[in-house]
């Protein structure tokens, strides 16, 4: 795996040890997150490898390896990389849909509209405060419970519920501000 090769390229022994420990503790979780988004083992492994390259670039930001903050950090990195890979894949699929256009025009247009709305929501979430975008991702995409979210983010369960409520409200307000009406998201 590329991540193991990346670890071997680090010459500073402290950084090498830190990255090795991160790999041992979180590589399984990172692979699970990537697979749950991408539904493809090879793409998930690519996402994890790319995530370790980004982790190496930000190794100085990690103080304690075995902590919820570090776990959240690595999960968010692999999640964002996986979502970018997925977005590229969906773009390729959309191009394939155009070339294999069938007589079912309504279904085709519905698919395009749904993909545009999905892309708009993902784009809007990425513009939100990081606390909001992370909790929306953990709850809606990863389907984590409030207890799990609280542990990952190092907050109380009540705080997780409140933050998610605020995040949903912020998302709705941002979508309205950008001209997407909330009702559009729930048509059909």
Protein backbone atom coordinates (compact mmCIF):
# COMPACT_ATOMS: atom_id res chain seq x y z
CA UNK A 1 0.00 0.00 0.00
CA UNK A 2 1.19 3.50 -0.87
CA UNK A 3 0.61 4.63 2.72
CA UNK A 4 3.29 2.25 3.98
CA UNK A 5 5.72 3.50 1.35
CA UNK A 6 4.96 7.07 2.41
CA UNK A 7 5.78 6.20 6.02
CA UNK A 8 9.14 4.78 4.99
CA UNK A 9 10.06 8.05 3.25
CA UNK A 10 9.90 10.07 6.47
CA UNK A 11 13.38 10.59 7.88
CA UNK A 12 12.50 12.29 11.17
CA UNK A 13 12.13 9.42 13.67
CA UNK A 14 9.45 11.17 15.76
CA UNK A 15 7.33 11.88 12.68
CA UNK A 16 7.93 8.34 11.43
CA UNK A 17 6.76 6.89 14.74
CA UNK A 18 3.75 9.21 14.87
CA UNK A 19 2.65 8.31 11.34
CA UNK A 20 3.19 4.59 11.99
CA UNK A 21 0.97 4.83 15.05
CA UNK A 22 -1.68 6.74 13.08
CA UNK A 23 -1.58 4.02 10.45
CA UNK A 24 -1.95 1.25 13.03
CA UNK A 25 -4.80 2.97 14.85
CA UNK A 26 -6.82 4.48 12.03
CA UNK A 27 -6.10 2.83 8.68
CA UNK A 28 -8.96 0.36 9.17
CA UNK A 29 -11.40 3.12 10.04
CA UNK A 30 -10.19 5.21 7.12
CA UNK A 31 -10.68 2.30 4.73
CA UNK A 32 -14.16 1.68 6.14
CA UNK A 33 -15.12 5.34 5.64
CA UNK A 34 -13.75 5.38 2.09
CA UNK A 35 -15.52 2.11 1.18
CA UNK A 36 -18.82 3.35 2.60
CA UNK A 37 -18.64 6.38 0.30
CA UNK A 38 -17.08 4.88 -2.81
CA UNK A 39 -18.39 1.29 -2.71
CA UNK A 40 -15.21 0.16 -4.47
CA UNK A 41 -12.21 -1.43 -2.74
CA UNK A 42 -9.58 -0.10 -5.15
CA UNK A 43 -10.90 3.47 -5.08
CA UNK A 44 -11.14 3.27 -1.28
CA UNK A 45 -7.50 2.20 -1.04
CA UNK A 46 -6.53 5.08 -3.32
CA UNK A 47 -8.44 7.48 -1.08
CA UNK A 48 -6.69 6.18 2.05
CA UNK A 49 -3.28 6.46 0.39
CA UNK A 50 -3.98 10.03 -0.69
CA UNK A 51 -5.24 10.79 2.82
CA UNK A 52 -1.94 9.62 4.32
CA UNK A 53 -0.07 11.96 2.00
CA UNK A 54 -2.22 14.84 3.31
CA UNK A 55 -1.72 13.66 6.87
CA UNK A 56 2.05 13.73 6.34
CA UNK A 57 1.72 17.35 5.18
CA UNK A 58 -0.20 18.16 8.38
CA UNK A 59 1.63 15.94 10.85
CA UNK A 60 2.68 18.94 12.92
CA UNK A 61 -1.01 19.64 13.70
CA UNK A 62 -1.41 16.29 15.46
CA UNK A 63 -0.39 16.50 19.10
CA UNK A 64 -1.83 13.29 20.54
CA UNK A 65 -2.28 10.36 18.16
CA UNK A 66 -4.74 8.29 20.18
CA UNK A 67 -7.50 10.88 20.62
CA UNK A 68 -10.95 11.64 19.26
CA UNK A 69 -9.59 14.83 17.71
CA UNK A 70 -7.02 12.91 15.68
CA UNK A 71 -9.60 10.29 14.73
CA UNK A 72 -11.94 13.05 13.56
CA UNK A 73 -9.11 14.71 11.67
CA UNK A 74 -8.16 11.57 9.72
CA UNK A 75 -11.81 10.65 9.08
CA UNK A 76 -12.55 14.11 7.72
CA UNK A 77 -9.50 14.00 5.46
CA UNK A 78 -10.36 10.59 3.99
CA UNK A 79 -14.01 11.59 3.73
CA UNK A 80 -13.24 14.71 1.72
CA UNK A 81 -10.90 12.82 -0.59
CA UNK A 82 -13.49 10.08 -1.07
CA UNK A 83 -16.20 12.61 -1.84
CA UNK A 84 -13.94 14.25 -4.42
CA UNK A 85 -13.29 10.87 -6.04
CA UNK A 86 -17.03 10.12 -5.99
CA UNK A 87 -17.79 13.49 -7.55
CA UNK A 88 -15.33 12.75 -10.35
CA UNK A 89 -16.94 9.31 -10.83
CA UNK A 90 -20.44 10.83 -10.96
CA UNK A 91 -19.21 13.35 -13.52
CA UNK A 92 -17.94 10.47 -15.67
CA UNK A 93 -21.25 8.61 -15.22
CA UNK A 94 -23.15 11.75 -16.21
CA UNK A 95 -21.10 11.98 -19.39
CA UNK A 96 -21.87 8.30 -20.06
CA UNK A 97 -25.59 9.03 -19.54
CA UNK A 98 -25.43 11.73 -22.19
CA UNK A 99 -23.85 9.38 -24.71
CA UNK A 100 -26.31 6.57 -23.96
CA UNK A 101 -29.38 8.82 -23.98
CA UNK A 102 -32.56 6.78 -24.32
CA UNK A 103 -36.14 7.58 -25.24
CA UNK A 104 -37.01 7.93 -21.55
CA UNK A 105 -36.39 11.67 -21.47
CA UNK A 106 -38.24 12.37 -18.20
CA UNK A 107 -36.20 9.79 -16.29
CA UNK A 108 -32.99 11.13 -17.81
CA UNK A 109 -33.84 14.74 -16.92
CA UNK A 110 -34.85 13.69 -13.39
CA UNK A 111 -31.46 12.00 -12.97
CA UNK A 112 -29.63 15.13 -14.11
CA UNK A 113 -31.74 17.35 -11.85
CA UNK A 114 -31.13 15.07 -8.86
CA UNK A 115 -27.39 15.06 -9.54
CA UNK A 116 -27.34 18.85 -9.84
CA UNK A 117 -29.22 19.21 -6.54
CA UNK A 118 -26.88 16.71 -4.87
CA UNK A 119 -23.83 18.61 -6.15
CA UNK A 120 -25.37 21.90 -4.99
CA UNK A 121 -26.05 20.54 -1.51
CA UNK A 122 -22.52 19.10 -1.22
CA UNK A 123 -21.07 22.40 -2.44
CA UNK A 124 -23.21 24.38 0.00
CA UNK A 125 -22.29 22.12 2.91
CA UNK A 126 -18.61 22.63 2.12
CA UNK A 127 -19.13 26.41 2.43
CA UNK A 128 -20.58 26.10 5.93
CA UNK A 129 -18.61 26.46 9.12
CA UNK A 130 -16.43 23.34 9.53
CA UNK A 131 -18.29 22.36 12.72
CA UNK A 132 -21.53 22.28 10.74
CA UNK A 133 -20.20 20.58 7.62
CA UNK A 134 -18.48 17.87 9.64
CA UNK A 135 -21.52 17.05 11.77
CA UNK A 136 -23.81 17.00 8.72
CA UNK A 137 -21.46 14.58 7.05
CA UNK A 138 -21.15 12.32 10.09
CA UNK A 139 -24.92 12.17 10.69
CA UNK A 140 -26.36 12.20 7.18
CA UNK A 141 -23.71 10.48 5.09
CA UNK A 142 -22.05 8.19 7.60
CA UNK A 143 -25.27 7.54 9.57
CA UNK A 144 -23.46 7.80 12.90
CA UNK A 145 -25.55 7.96 16.07
CA UNK A 146 -25.45 11.01 18.30
CA UNK A 147 -23.33 9.03 20.78
CA UNK A 148 -20.78 8.17 18.07
CA UNK A 149 -20.69 11.75 16.81
CA UNK A 150 -20.17 13.02 20.34
CA UNK A 151 -17.22 10.67 20.79
CA UNK A 152 -15.67 11.48 17.41
CA UNK A 153 -15.92 15.23 17.91
CA UNK A 154 -15.17 15.18 21.63
CA UNK A 155 -18.46 16.86 22.61
CA UNK A 156 -21.52 15.84 24.63
CA UNK A 157 -24.47 14.05 23.05
CA UNK A 158 -26.67 17.08 23.71
CA UNK A 159 -24.12 19.35 22.06
CA UNK A 160 -24.07 17.02 19.04
CA UNK A 161 -27.87 17.24 18.74
CA UNK A 162 -27.82 21.02 19.08
CA UNK A 163 -24.96 21.41 16.60
CA UNK A 164 -26.75 19.21 14.05
CA UNK A 165 -29.93 21.23 14.42
CA UNK A 166 -27.99 24.45 13.88
CA UNK A 167 -26.14 22.91 10.95
CA UNK A 168 -29.40 21.92 9.23
CA UNK A 169 -30.77 25.41 9.79
CA UNK A 170 -27.57 26.98 8.40
CA UNK A 171 -27.72 24.70 5.35
CA UNK A 172 -31.35 25.63 4.71
CA UNK A 173 -30.58 29.35 5.06
CA UNK A 174 -27.57 29.12 2.75
CA UNK A 175 -29.56 27.22 0.12
CA UNK A 176 -32.33 29.84 0.30
CA UNK A 177 -29.75 32.61 0.04
CA UNK A 178 -28.34 30.99 -3.09
CA UNK A 179 -31.76 30.72 -4.70
CA UNK A 180 -32.52 27.07 -3.97
CA UNK A 181 -35.83 26.74 -2.28
CA UNK A 182 -36.02 24.15 0.46
CA UNK A 183 -39.11 22.62 -1.13
CA UNK A 184 -37.12 21.89 -4.32
CA UNK A 185 -35.06 19.41 -2.37
CA UNK A 186 -38.07 17.39 -1.35
CA UNK A 187 -40.02 17.26 -4.60
CA UNK A 188 -40.99 13.79 -5.86
